[in-house]
Amino acid sequence: MDEKDNKENETSESFEAELGLKSESKLAEPRMYRVLMHNDHYTTMEFVVEVLMKIFHKPGAEATKIMLDIHKKGMGICGVYTYDIAVTKISEVHKLAKKSQYPLKCSYEEA
């Protein structure tokens, strides 16, 4: 930048300050949340894979891997999303599980 550009910026900023305008503040990145699916002894493995593919748009192999994590470790990570999307996906899982008469549960935690 040359001196002319610096002067114009200073003049512009001081003019905005006089008018009481706030300069644009930097937007922070949204917080991200992990969606977790929990194991139970009633929901079938096939249904869990179906949910992962349908709601979380996972390919078959990845859905199967996540399902095995859920089965062996007690829970698995379905994805990382912003708060609103995470809550919506959890709601969709619970609605589909209830419709199919399974007690499948999901939760979220901050990533």
PDB file of N, CA and C in Angstrom:
ATOM      1  N   MET A   1       0.841  -1.192   0.000  1.00  0.00           N
ATOM      2  CA  MET A   1       0.000   0.000   0.000  1.00  0.00           C
ATOM      3  C   MET A   1       0.879   1.245   0.000  1.00  0.00           C
ATOM      4  N   ASP A   2       0.412   2.248  -0.647  1.00  0.00           N
ATOM      5  CA  ASP A   2       1.172   3.489  -0.612  1.00  0.00           C
ATOM      6  C   ASP A   2       0.530   4.450   0.390  1.00  0.00           C
ATOM      7  N   GLU A   3       1.117   5.615   0.563  1.00  0.00           N
ATOM      8  CA  GLU A   3       0.630   6.567   1.561  1.00  0.00           C
ATOM      9  C   GLU A   3      -0.789   7.032   1.272  1.00  0.00           C
ATOM     10  N   LYS A   4      -1.134   7.177   0.006  1.00  0.00           N
ATOM     11  CA  LYS A   4      -2.474   7.635  -0.374  1.00  0.00           C
ATOM     12  C   LYS A   4      -3.539   6.645   0.110  1.00  0.00           C
ATOM     13  N   ASP A   5      -3.279   5.336  -0.095  1.00  0.00           N
ATOM     14  CA  ASP A   5      -4.223   4.302   0.354  1.00  0.00           C
ATOM     15  C   ASP A   5      -4.358   4.299   1.872  1.00  0.00           C
ATOM     16  N   ASN A   6      -3.244   4.458   2.589  1.00  0.00           N
ATOM     17  CA  ASN A   6      -3.276   4.489   4.048  1.00  0.00           C
ATOM     18  C   ASN A   6      -4.107   5.658   4.551  1.00  0.00           C
ATOM     19  N   LYS A   7      -3.925   6.837   3.920  1.00  0.00           N
ATOM     20  CA  LYS A   7      -4.689   8.018   4.325  1.00  0.00           C
ATOM     21  C   LYS A   7      -6.174   7.807   4.090  1.00  0.00           C
ATOM     22  N   GLU A   8      -6.534   7.206   2.949  1.00  0.00           N
ATOM     23  CA  GLU A   8      -7.944   6.958   2.645  1.00  0.00           C
ATOM     24  C   GLU A   8      -8.553   6.007   3.668  1.00  0.00           C
ATOM     25  N   ASN A   9      -7.821   4.963   4.049  1.00  0.00           N
ATOM     26  CA  ASN A   9      -8.310   4.020   5.060  1.00  0.00           C
ATOM     27  C   ASN A   9      -8.516   4.710   6.403  1.00  0.00           C
ATOM     28  N   GLU A  10      -7.542   5.523   6.810  1.00  0.00           N
ATOM     29  CA  GLU A  10      -7.649   6.236   8.091  1.00  0.00           C
ATOM     30  C   GLU A  10      -8.826   7.198   8.076  1.00  0.00           C
ATOM     31  N   THR A  11      -9.009   7.910   6.954  1.00  0.00           N
ATOM     32  CA  THR A  11     -10.122   8.850   6.832  1.00  0.00           C
ATOM     33  C   THR A  11     -11.443   8.111   6.891  1.00  0.00           C
ATOM     34  N   SER A  12     -11.530   7.006   6.196  1.00  0.00           N
ATOM     35  CA  SER A  12     -12.755   6.202   6.162  1.00  0.00           C
ATOM     36  C   SER A  12     -13.085   5.674   7.562  1.00  0.00           C
ATOM     37  N   GLU A  13     -12.065   5.151   8.258  1.00  0.00           N
ATOM     38  CA  GLU A  13     -12.276   4.604   9.600  1.00  0.00           C
ATOM     39  C   GLU A  13     -12.678   5.689  10.583  1.00  0.00           C
ATOM     40  N   SER A  14     -12.056   6.864  10.504  1.00  0.00           N
ATOM     41  CA  SER A  14     -12.398   7.935  11.433  1.00  0.00           C
ATOM     42  C   SER A  14     -13.804   8.461  11.145  1.00  0.00           C
ATOM     43  N   PHE A  15     -14.199   8.505   9.880  1.00  0.00           N
ATOM     44  CA  PHE A  15     -15.547   8.940   9.509  1.00  0.00           C
ATOM     45  C   PHE A  15     -16.592   7.973  10.079  1.00  0.00           C
ATOM     46  N   GLU A  16     -16.329   6.668   9.946  1.00  0.00           N
ATOM     47  CA  GLU A  16     -17.241   5.662  10.495  1.00  0.00           C
ATOM     48  C   GLU A  16     -17.312   5.759  12.014  1.00  0.00           C
ATOM     49  N   ALA A  17     -16.181   6.018  12.648  1.00  0.00           N
ATOM     50  CA  ALA A  17     -16.149   6.151  14.108  1.00  0.00           C
ATOM     51  C   ALA A  17     -16.967   7.353  14.552  1.00  0.00           C
ATOM     52  N   GLU A  18     -16.865   8.467  13.820  1.00  0.00           N
ATOM     53  CA  GLU A  18     -17.641   9.666  14.146  1.00  0.00           C
ATOM     54  C   GLU A  18     -19.135   9.414  14.035  1.00  0.00           C
ATOM     55  N   LEU A  19     -19.529   8.607  13.059  1.00  0.00           N
ATOM     56  CA  LEU A  19     -20.948   8.294  12.878  1.00  0.00           C
ATOM     57  C   LEU A  19     -21.447   7.245  13.871  1.00  0.00           C
ATOM     58  N   GLY A  20     -20.518   6.635  14.584  1.00  0.00           N
ATOM     59  CA  GLY A  20     -20.904   5.613  15.554  1.00  0.00           C
ATOM     60  C   GLY A  20     -21.098   4.252  14.908  1.00  0.00           C
ATOM     61  N   LEU A  21     -20.559   4.064  13.721  1.00  0.00           N
ATOM     62  CA  LEU A  21     -20.666   2.774  13.048  1.00  0.00           C
ATOM     63  C   LEU A  21     -19.546   1.868  13.528  1.00  0.00           C
ATOM     64  N   LYS A  22     -19.880   0.635  13.725  1.00  0.00           N
ATOM     65  CA  LYS A  22     -18.854  -0.327  14.122  1.00  0.00           C
ATOM     66  C   LYS A  22     -18.278  -0.948  12.863  1.00  0.00           C
ATOM     67  N   SER A  23     -17.005  -1.149  12.885  1.00  0.00           N
ATOM     68  CA  SER A  23     -16.390  -1.818  11.744  1.00  0.00           C
ATOM     69  C   SER A  23     -16.757  -3.293  11.802  1.00  0.00           C
ATOM     70  N   GLU A  24     -16.675  -3.937  10.657  1.00  0.00           N
ATOM     71  CA  GLU A  24     -17.038  -5.354  10.606  1.00  0.00           C
ATOM     72  C   GLU A  24     -16.130  -6.146  11.518  1.00  0.00           C
ATOM     73  N   SER A  25     -16.743  -6.973  12.345  1.00  0.00           N
ATOM     74  CA  SER A  25     -15.940  -7.824  13.200  1.00  0.00           C
ATOM     75  C   SER A  25     -15.792  -9.180  12.514  1.00  0.00           C
ATOM     76  N   LYS A  26     -14.766  -9.863  12.844  1.00  0.00           N
ATOM     77  CA  LYS A  26     -14.516 -11.178  12.256  1.00  0.00           C
ATOM     78  C   LYS A  26     -15.517 -12.172  12.829  1.00  0.00           C
ATOM     79  N   LEU A  27     -16.076 -12.986  11.955  1.00  0.00           N
ATOM     80  CA  LEU A  27     -17.006 -14.011  12.395  1.00  0.00           C
ATOM     81  C   LEU A  27     -16.226 -15.241  12.837  1.00  0.00           C
ATOM     82  N   ALA A  28     -16.612 -15.770  13.962  1.00  0.00           N
ATOM     83  CA  ALA A  28     -15.959 -16.973  14.466  1.00  0.00           C
ATOM     84  C   ALA A  28     -16.548 -18.194  13.765  1.00  0.00           C
ATOM     85  N   GLU A  29     -15.747 -19.218  13.634  1.00  0.00           N
ATOM     86  CA  GLU A  29     -16.232 -20.468  13.064  1.00  0.00           C
ATOM     87  C   GLU A  29     -17.275 -21.050  14.019  1.00  0.00           C
ATOM     88  N   PRO A  30     -18.326 -21.686  13.486  1.00  0.00           N
ATOM     89  CA  PRO A  30     -19.335 -22.274  14.380  1.00  0.00           C
ATOM     90  C   PRO A  30     -18.757 -23.461  15.141  1.00  0.00           C
ATOM     91  N   ARG A  31     -19.267 -23.690  16.315  1.00  0.00           N
ATOM     92  CA  ARG A  31     -18.838 -24.851  17.094  1.00  0.00           C
ATOM     93  C   ARG A  31     -19.329 -26.114  16.392  1.00  0.00           C
ATOM     94  N   MET A  32     -18.535 -27.157  16.485  1.00  0.00           N
ATOM     95  CA  MET A  32     -18.875 -28.409  15.832  1.00  0.00           C
ATOM     96  C   MET A  32     -19.169 -29.463  16.899  1.00  0.00           C
ATOM     97  N   TYR A  33     -20.060 -30.390  16.549  1.00  0.00           N
ATOM     98  CA  TYR A  33     -20.503 -31.420  17.490  1.00  0.00           C
ATOM     99  C   TYR A  33     -20.439 -32.791  16.847  1.00  0.00           C
ATOM    100  N   ARG A  34     -19.934 -33.764  17.610  1.00  0.00           N
ATOM    101  CA  ARG A  34     -19.912 -35.160  17.165  1.00  0.00           C
ATOM    102  C   ARG A  34     -21.264 -35.782  17.477  1.00  0.00           C
ATOM    103  N   VAL A  35     -21.827 -36.468  16.502  1.00  0.00           N
ATOM    104  CA  VAL A  35     -23.062 -37.217  16.734  1.00  0.00           C
ATOM    105  C   VAL A  35     -22.651 -38.652  17.049  1.00  0.00           C
ATOM    106  N   LEU A  36     -23.081 -39.137  18.191  1.00  0.00           N
ATOM    107  CA  LEU A  36     -22.732 -40.472  18.666  1.00  0.00           C
ATOM    108  C   LEU A  36     -23.956 -41.370  18.643  1.00  0.00           C
ATOM    109  N   MET A  37     -23.766 -42.604  18.208  1.00  0.00           N
ATOM    110  CA  MET A  37     -24.842 -43.594  18.256  1.00  0.00           C
ATOM    111  C   MET A  37     -24.441 -44.627  19.304  1.00  0.00           C
ATOM    112  N   HIS A  38     -25.396 -45.015  20.150  1.00  0.00           N
ATOM    113  CA  HIS A  38     -25.119 -45.894  21.285  1.00  0.00           C
ATOM    114  C   HIS A  38     -25.638 -47.304  21.032  1.00  0.00           C
ATOM    115  N   ASN A  39     -24.907 -48.260  21.559  1.00  0.00           N
ATOM    116  CA  ASN A  39     -25.277 -49.670  21.411  1.00  0.00           C
ATOM    117  C   ASN A  39     -26.442 -50.022  22.337  1.00  0.00           C
ATOM    118  N   ASP A  40     -27.277 -50.910  21.879  1.00  0.00           N
ATOM    119  CA  ASP A  40     -28.294 -51.528  22.728  1.00  0.00           C
ATOM    120  C   ASP A  40     -28.401 -52.979  22.296  1.00  0.00           C
ATOM    121  N   HIS A  41     -29.138 -53.784  23.048  1.00  0.00           N
ATOM    122  CA  HIS A  41     -29.202 -55.218  22.761  1.00  0.00           C
ATOM    123  C   HIS A  41     -30.410 -55.604  21.924  1.00  0.00           C
ATOM    124  N   TYR A  42     -31.116 -54.632  21.370  1.00  0.00           N
ATOM    125  CA  TYR A  42     -32.337 -54.931  20.628  1.00  0.00           C
ATOM    126  C   TYR A  42     -32.295 -54.478  19.173  1.00  0.00           C
ATOM    127  N   THR A  43     -31.666 -53.365  18.893  1.00  0.00           N
ATOM    128  CA  THR A  43     -31.611 -52.842  17.530  1.00  0.00           C
ATOM    129  C   THR A  43     -30.697 -53.724  16.685  1.00  0.00           C
ATOM    130  N   THR A  44     -31.192 -54.125  15.516  1.00  0.00           N
ATOM    131  CA  THR A  44     -30.403 -55.007  14.655  1.00  0.00           C
ATOM    132  C   THR A  44     -29.253 -54.241  13.997  1.00  0.00           C
ATOM    133  N   MET A  45     -28.215 -54.976  13.682  1.00  0.00           N
ATOM    134  CA  MET A  45     -27.056 -54.383  13.008  1.00  0.00           C
ATOM    135  C   MET A  45     -27.463 -53.856  11.629  1.00  0.00           C
ATOM    136  N   GLU A  46     -28.344 -54.571  10.968  1.00  0.00           N
ATOM    137  CA  GLU A  46     -28.805 -54.152   9.635  1.00  0.00           C
ATOM    138  C   GLU A  46     -29.526 -52.810   9.701  1.00  0.00           C
ATOM    139  N   PHE A  47     -30.332 -52.624  10.760  1.00  0.00           N
ATOM    140  CA  PHE A  47     -31.053 -51.362  10.904  1.00  0.00           C
ATOM    141  C   PHE A  47     -30.079 -50.213  11.158  1.00  0.00           C
ATOM    142  N   VAL A  48     -29.059 -50.452  11.967  1.00  0.00           N
ATOM    143  CA  VAL A  48     -28.061 -49.419  12.251  1.00  0.00           C
ATOM    144  C   VAL A  48     -27.348 -49.010  10.959  1.00  0.00           C
ATOM    145  N   VAL A  49     -26.963 -49.986  10.143  1.00  0.00           N
ATOM    146  CA  VAL A  49     -26.311 -49.691   8.860  1.00  0.00           C
ATOM    147  C   VAL A  49     -27.265 -48.892   7.971  1.00  0.00           C
ATOM    148  N   GLU A  50     -28.529 -49.291   7.939  1.00  0.00           N
ATOM    149  CA  GLU A  50     -29.527 -48.574   7.138  1.00  0.00           C
ATOM    150  C   GLU A  50     -29.650 -47.113   7.583  1.00  0.00           C
ATOM    151  N   VAL A  51     -29.685 -46.886   8.877  1.00  0.00           N
ATOM    152  CA  VAL A  51     -29.789 -45.521   9.419  1.00  0.00           C
ATOM    153  C   VAL A  51     -28.554 -44.703   9.044  1.00  0.00           C
ATOM    154  N   LEU A  52     -27.386 -45.298   9.182  1.00  0.00           N
ATOM    155  CA  LEU A  52     -26.149 -44.594   8.850  1.00  0.00           C
ATOM    156  C   LEU A  52     -26.104 -44.213   7.371  1.00  0.00           C
ATOM    157  N   MET A  53     -26.609 -45.083   6.529  1.00  0.00           N
ATOM    158  CA  MET A  53     -26.610 -44.794   5.091  1.00  0.00           C
ATOM    159  C   MET A  53     -27.685 -43.766   4.734  1.00  0.00           C
ATOM    160  N   LYS A  54     -28.859 -43.906   5.338  1.00  0.00           N
ATOM    161  CA  LYS A  54     -29.993 -43.049   4.981  1.00  0.00           C
ATOM    162  C   LYS A  54     -29.878 -41.641   5.579  1.00  0.00           C
ATOM    163  N   ILE A  55     -29.577 -41.542   6.845  1.00  0.00           N
ATOM    164  CA  ILE A  55     -29.585 -40.251   7.538  1.00  0.00           C
ATOM    165  C   ILE A  55     -28.226 -39.550   7.475  1.00  0.00           C
ATOM    166  N   PHE A  56     -27.161 -40.335   7.598  1.00  0.00           N
ATOM    167  CA  PHE A  56     -25.826 -39.736   7.632  1.00  0.00           C
ATOM    168  C   PHE A  56     -25.096 -39.836   6.286  1.00  0.00           C
ATOM    169  N   HIS A  57     -25.761 -40.428   5.291  1.00  0.00           N
ATOM    170  CA  HIS A  57     -25.241 -40.527   3.921  1.00  0.00           C
ATOM    171  C   HIS A  57     -23.865 -41.183   3.863  1.00  0.00           C
ATOM    172  N   LYS A  58     -23.703 -42.253   4.643  1.00  0.00           N
ATOM    173  CA  LYS A  58     -22.445 -42.992   4.651  1.00  0.00           C
ATOM    174  C   LYS A  58     -22.507 -44.091   3.588  1.00  0.00           C
ATOM    175  N   PRO A  59     -21.387 -44.343   2.891  1.00  0.00           N
ATOM    176  CA  PRO A  59     -21.355 -45.485   1.975  1.00  0.00           C
ATOM    177  C   PRO A  59     -21.446 -46.792   2.779  1.00  0.00           C
ATOM    178  N   GLY A  60     -21.841 -47.864   2.134  1.00  0.00           N
ATOM    179  CA  GLY A  60     -22.061 -49.136   2.824  1.00  0.00           C
ATOM    180  C   GLY A  60     -20.901 -49.613   3.667  1.00  0.00           C
ATOM    181  N   ALA A  61     -19.686 -49.564   3.117  1.00  0.00           N
ATOM    182  CA  ALA A  61     -18.518 -50.056   3.861  1.00  0.00           C
ATOM    183  C   ALA A  61     -18.258 -49.219   5.112  1.00  0.00           C
ATOM    184  N   GLU A  62     -18.375 -47.892   4.989  1.00  0.00           N
ATOM    185  CA  GLU A  62     -18.147 -47.017   6.144  1.00  0.00           C
ATOM    186  C   GLU A  62     -19.253 -47.202   7.183  1.00  0.00           C
ATOM    187  N   ALA A  63     -20.495 -47.366   6.717  1.00  0.00           N
ATOM    188  CA  ALA A  63     -21.614 -47.592   7.637  1.00  0.00           C
ATOM    189  C   ALA A  63     -21.403 -48.891   8.418  1.00  0.00           C
ATOM    190  N   THR A  64     -20.916 -49.908   7.751  1.00  0.00           N
ATOM    191  CA  THR A  64     -20.655 -51.192   8.419  1.00  0.00           C
ATOM    192  C   THR A  64     -19.543 -51.040   9.449  1.00  0.00           C
ATOM    193  N   LYS A  65     -18.500 -50.300   9.110  1.00  0.00           N
ATOM    194  CA  LYS A  65     -17.398 -50.075  10.054  1.00  0.00           C
ATOM    195  C   LYS A  65     -17.890 -49.330  11.304  1.00  0.00           C
ATOM    196  N   ILE A  66     -18.701 -48.302  11.104  1.00  0.00           N
ATOM    197  CA  ILE A  66     -19.238 -47.542  12.245  1.00  0.00           C
ATOM    198  C   ILE A  66     -20.143 -48.438  13.082  1.00  0.00           C
ATOM    199  N   MET A  67     -20.965 -49.251  12.415  1.00  0.00           N
ATOM    200  CA  MET A  67     -21.853 -50.168  13.136  1.00  0.00           C
ATOM    201  C   MET A  67     -21.044 -51.139  13.996  1.00  0.00           C
ATOM    202  N   LEU A  68     -19.937 -51.635  13.477  1.00  0.00           N
ATOM    203  CA  LEU A  68     -19.094 -52.542  14.264  1.00  0.00           C
ATOM    204  C   LEU A  68     -18.453 -51.828  15.446  1.00  0.00           C
ATOM    205  N   ASP A  69     -18.069 -50.562  15.262  1.00  0.00           N
ATOM    206  CA  ASP A  69     -17.570 -49.771  16.401  1.00  0.00           C
ATOM    207  C   ASP A  69     -18.650 -49.640  17.478  1.00  0.00           C
ATOM    208  N   ILE A  70     -19.865 -49.363  17.046  1.00  0.00           N
ATOM    209  CA  ILE A  70     -20.979 -49.230  17.988  1.00  0.00           C
ATOM    210  C   ILE A  70     -21.181 -50.542  18.734  1.00  0.00           C
ATOM    211  N   HIS A  71     -21.140 -51.630  17.998  1.00  0.00           N
ATOM    212  CA  HIS A  71     -21.374 -52.959  18.581  1.00  0.00           C
ATOM    213  C   HIS A  71     -20.260 -53.357  19.553  1.00  0.00           C
ATOM    214  N   LYS A  72     -19.004 -53.119  19.173  1.00  0.00           N
ATOM    215  CA  LYS A  72     -17.877 -53.572  19.985  1.00  0.00           C
ATOM    216  C   LYS A  72     -17.484 -52.605  21.099  1.00  0.00           C
ATOM    217  N   LYS A  73     -17.578 -51.298  20.822  1.00  0.00           N
ATOM    218  CA  LYS A  73     -17.102 -50.289  21.781  1.00  0.00           C
ATOM    219  C   LYS A  73     -18.216 -49.636  22.584  1.00  0.00           C
ATOM    220  N   GLY A  74     -19.474 -49.900  22.215  1.00  0.00           N
ATOM    221  CA  GLY A  74     -20.585 -49.322  22.953  1.00  0.00           C
ATOM    222  C   GLY A  74     -21.123 -48.040  22.342  1.00  0.00           C
ATOM    223  N   MET A  75     -20.339 -47.424  21.455  1.00  0.00           N
ATOM    224  CA  MET A  75     -20.796 -46.237  20.739  1.00  0.00           C
ATOM    225  C   MET A  75     -19.891 -45.994  19.550  1.00  0.00           C
ATOM    226  N   GLY A  76     -20.409 -45.219  18.606  1.00  0.00           N
ATOM    227  CA  GLY A  76     -19.622 -44.885  17.425  1.00  0.00           C
ATOM    228  C   GLY A  76     -19.944 -43.475  16.972  1.00  0.00           C
ATOM    229  N   ILE A  77     -18.998 -42.868  16.261  1.00  0.00           N
ATOM    230  CA  ILE A  77     -19.178 -41.502  15.764  1.00  0.00           C
ATOM    231  C   ILE A  77     -19.792 -41.564  14.373  1.00  0.00           C
ATOM    232  N   CYS A  78     -20.965 -40.936  14.236  1.00  0.00           N
ATOM    233  CA  CYS A  78     -21.680 -40.924  12.959  1.00  0.00           C
ATOM    234  C   CYS A  78     -21.229 -39.771  12.070  1.00  0.00           C
ATOM    235  N   GLY A  79     -20.728 -38.705  12.665  1.00  0.00           N
ATOM    236  CA  GLY A  79     -20.282 -37.545  11.901  1.00  0.00           C
ATOM    237  C   GLY A  79     -20.092 -36.349  12.811  1.00  0.00           C
ATOM    238  N   VAL A  80     -19.549 -35.274  12.239  1.00  0.00           N
ATOM    239  CA  VAL A  80     -19.315 -34.031  12.976  1.00  0.00           C
ATOM    240  C   VAL A  80     -20.041 -32.922  12.226  1.00  0.00           C
ATOM    241  N   TYR A  81     -20.920 -32.206  12.942  1.00  0.00           N
ATOM    242  CA  TYR A  81     -21.794 -31.220  12.320  1.00  0.00           C
ATOM    243  C   TYR A  81     -21.931 -29.990  13.212  1.00  0.00           C
ATOM    244  N   THR A  82     -22.498 -28.929  12.639  1.00  0.00           N
ATOM    245  CA  THR A  82     -22.862 -27.777  13.452  1.00  0.00           C
ATOM    246  C   THR A  82     -24.008 -28.195  14.363  1.00  0.00           C
ATOM    247  N   TYR A  83     -24.294 -27.388  15.367  1.00  0.00           N
ATOM    248  CA  TYR A  83     -25.304 -27.752  16.373  1.00  0.00           C
ATOM    249  C   TYR A  83     -26.656 -28.076  15.754  1.00  0.00           C
ATOM    250  N   ASP A  84     -27.167 -27.185  14.906  1.00  0.00           N
ATOM    251  CA  ASP A  84     -28.501 -27.385  14.349  1.00  0.00           C
ATOM    252  C   ASP A  84     -28.593 -28.656  13.523  1.00  0.00           C
ATOM    253  N   ILE A  85     -27.575 -28.923  12.732  1.00  0.00           N
ATOM    254  CA  ILE A  85     -27.594 -30.123  11.903  1.00  0.00           C
ATOM    255  C   ILE A  85     -27.475 -31.367  12.774  1.00  0.00           C
ATOM    256  N   ALA A  86     -26.617 -31.330  13.789  1.00  0.00           N
ATOM    257  CA  ALA A  86     -26.455 -32.479  14.693  1.00  0.00           C
ATOM    258  C   ALA A  86     -27.777 -32.812  15.384  1.00  0.00           C
ATOM    259  N   VAL A  87     -28.445 -31.803  15.913  1.00  0.00           N
ATOM    260  CA  VAL A  87     -29.714 -32.025  16.618  1.00  0.00           C
ATOM    261  C   VAL A  87     -30.783 -32.557  15.657  1.00  0.00           C
ATOM    262  N   THR A  88     -30.803 -32.043  14.438  1.00  0.00           N
ATOM    263  CA  THR A  88     -31.768 -32.511  13.450  1.00  0.00           C
ATOM    264  C   THR A  88     -31.529 -33.970  13.102  1.00  0.00           C
ATOM    265  N   LYS A  89     -30.285 -34.356  12.893  1.00  0.00           N
ATOM    266  CA  LYS A  89     -29.971 -35.744  12.547  1.00  0.00           C
ATOM    267  C   LYS A  89     -30.325 -36.682  13.699  1.00  0.00           C
ATOM    268  N   ILE A  90     -30.040 -36.268  14.919  1.00  0.00           N
ATOM    269  CA  ILE A  90     -30.403 -37.084  16.084  1.00  0.00           C
ATOM    270  C   ILE A  90     -31.916 -37.271  16.138  1.00  0.00           C
ATOM    271  N   SER A  91     -32.650 -36.202  15.903  1.00  0.00           N
ATOM    272  CA  SER A  91     -34.112 -36.273  15.903  1.00  0.00           C
ATOM    273  C   SER A  91     -34.612 -37.240  14.823  1.00  0.00           C
ATOM    274  N   GLU A  92     -34.008 -37.190  13.639  1.00  0.00           N
ATOM    275  CA  GLU A  92     -34.388 -38.088  12.555  1.00  0.00           C
ATOM    276  C   GLU A  92     -34.119 -39.544  12.923  1.00  0.00           C
ATOM    277  N   VAL A  93     -32.975 -39.800  13.570  1.00  0.00           N
ATOM    278  CA  VAL A  93     -32.637 -41.161  13.995  1.00  0.00           C
ATOM    279  C   VAL A  93     -33.679 -41.660  14.992  1.00  0.00           C
ATOM    280  N   HIS A  94     -33.994 -40.849  15.994  1.00  0.00           N
ATOM    281  CA  HIS A  94     -34.957 -41.265  17.016  1.00  0.00           C
ATOM    282  C   HIS A  94     -36.336 -41.508  16.417  1.00  0.00           C
ATOM    283  N   LYS A  95     -36.736 -40.662  15.469  1.00  0.00           N
ATOM    284  CA  LYS A  95     -38.037 -40.811  14.823  1.00  0.00           C
ATOM    285  C   LYS A  95     -38.095 -42.113  14.017  1.00  0.00           C
ATOM    286  N   LEU A  96     -37.054 -42.396  13.245  1.00  0.00           N
ATOM    287  CA  LEU A  96     -37.009 -43.612  12.440  1.00  0.00           C
ATOM    288  C   LEU A  96     -36.941 -44.851  13.326  1.00  0.00           C
ATOM    289  N   ALA A  97     -36.176 -44.796  14.401  1.00  0.00           N
ATOM    290  CA  ALA A  97     -36.061 -45.924  15.322  1.00  0.00           C
ATOM    291  C   ALA A  97     -37.399 -46.202  16.004  1.00  0.00           C
ATOM    292  N   LYS A  98     -38.079 -45.149  16.419  1.00  0.00           N
ATOM    293  CA  LYS A  98     -39.372 -45.317  17.074  1.00  0.00           C
ATOM    294  C   LYS A  98     -40.386 -45.925  16.102  1.00  0.00           C
ATOM    295  N   LYS A  99     -40.374 -45.444  14.862  1.00  0.00           N
ATOM    296  CA  LYS A  99     -41.280 -45.966  13.834  1.00  0.00           C
ATOM    297  C   LYS A  99     -41.032 -47.456  13.597  1.00  0.00           C
ATOM    298  N   SER A 100     -39.769 -47.856  13.679  1.00  0.00           N
ATOM    299  CA  SER A 100     -39.400 -49.256  13.456  1.00  0.00           C
ATOM    300  C   SER A 100     -39.381 -50.056  14.756  1.00  0.00           C
ATOM    301  N   GLN A 101     -39.767 -49.435  15.838  1.00  0.00           N
ATOM    302  CA  GLN A 101     -39.875 -50.041  17.170  1.00  0.00           C
ATOM    303  C   GLN A 101     -38.535 -50.549  17.704  1.00  0.00           C
ATOM    304  N   TYR A 102     -37.508 -49.706  17.557  1.00  0.00           N
ATOM    305  CA  TYR A 102     -36.194 -49.983  18.122  1.00  0.00           C
ATOM    306  C   TYR A 102     -35.851 -48.894  19.130  1.00  0.00           C
ATOM    307  N   PRO A 103     -35.092 -49.249  20.187  1.00  0.00           N
ATOM    308  CA  PRO A 103     -34.720 -48.245  21.207  1.00  0.00           C
ATOM    309  C   PRO A 103     -33.397 -47.535  20.891  1.00  0.00           C
ATOM    310  N   LEU A 104     -33.031 -47.446  19.636  1.00  0.00           N
ATOM    311  CA  LEU A 104     -31.755 -46.846  19.231  1.00  0.00           C
ATOM    312  C   LEU A 104     -31.657 -45.403  19.720  1.00  0.00           C
ATOM    313  N   LYS A 105     -30.516 -45.071  20.297  1.00  0.00           N
ATOM    314  CA  LYS A 105     -30.307 -43.721  20.839  1.00  0.00           C
ATOM    315  C   LYS A 105     -29.057 -43.088  20.241  1.00  0.00           C
ATOM    316  N   CYS A 106     -29.147 -41.788  20.049  1.00  0.00           N
ATOM    317  CA  CYS A 106     -28.032 -40.965  19.605  1.00  0.00           C
ATOM    318  C   CYS A 106     -27.875 -39.809  20.572  1.00  0.00           C
ATOM    319  N   SER A 107     -26.673 -39.267  20.618  1.00  0.00           N
ATOM    320  CA  SER A 107     -26.429 -38.066  21.413  1.00  0.00           C
ATOM    321  C   SER A 107     -25.360 -37.254  20.685  1.00  0.00           C
ATOM    322  N   TYR A 108     -24.986 -36.112  21.267  1.00  0.00           N
ATOM    323  CA  TYR A 108     -23.933 -35.304  20.676  1.00  0.00           C
ATOM    324  C   TYR A 108     -23.025 -34.801  21.783  1.00  0.00           C
ATOM    325  N   GLU A 109     -21.804 -34.470  21.369  1.00  0.00           N
ATOM    326  CA  GLU A 109     -20.845 -33.840  22.273  1.00  0.00           C
ATOM    327  C   GLU A 109     -20.024 -32.858  21.460  1.00  0.00           C
ATOM    328  N   GLU A 110     -19.523 -31.854  22.116  1.00  0.00           N
ATOM    329  CA  GLU A 110     -18.736 -30.850  21.394  1.00  0.00           C
ATOM    330  C   GLU A 110     -17.441 -31.478  20.904  1.00  0.00           C
ATOM    331  N   ALA A 111     -17.125 -31.202  19.663  1.00  0.00           N
ATOM    332  CA  ALA A 111     -15.909 -31.776  19.047  1.00  0.00           C
ATOM    333  C   ALA A 111     -14.675 -30.997  19.432  1.00  0.00           C
TER     334      ALA A 111
END
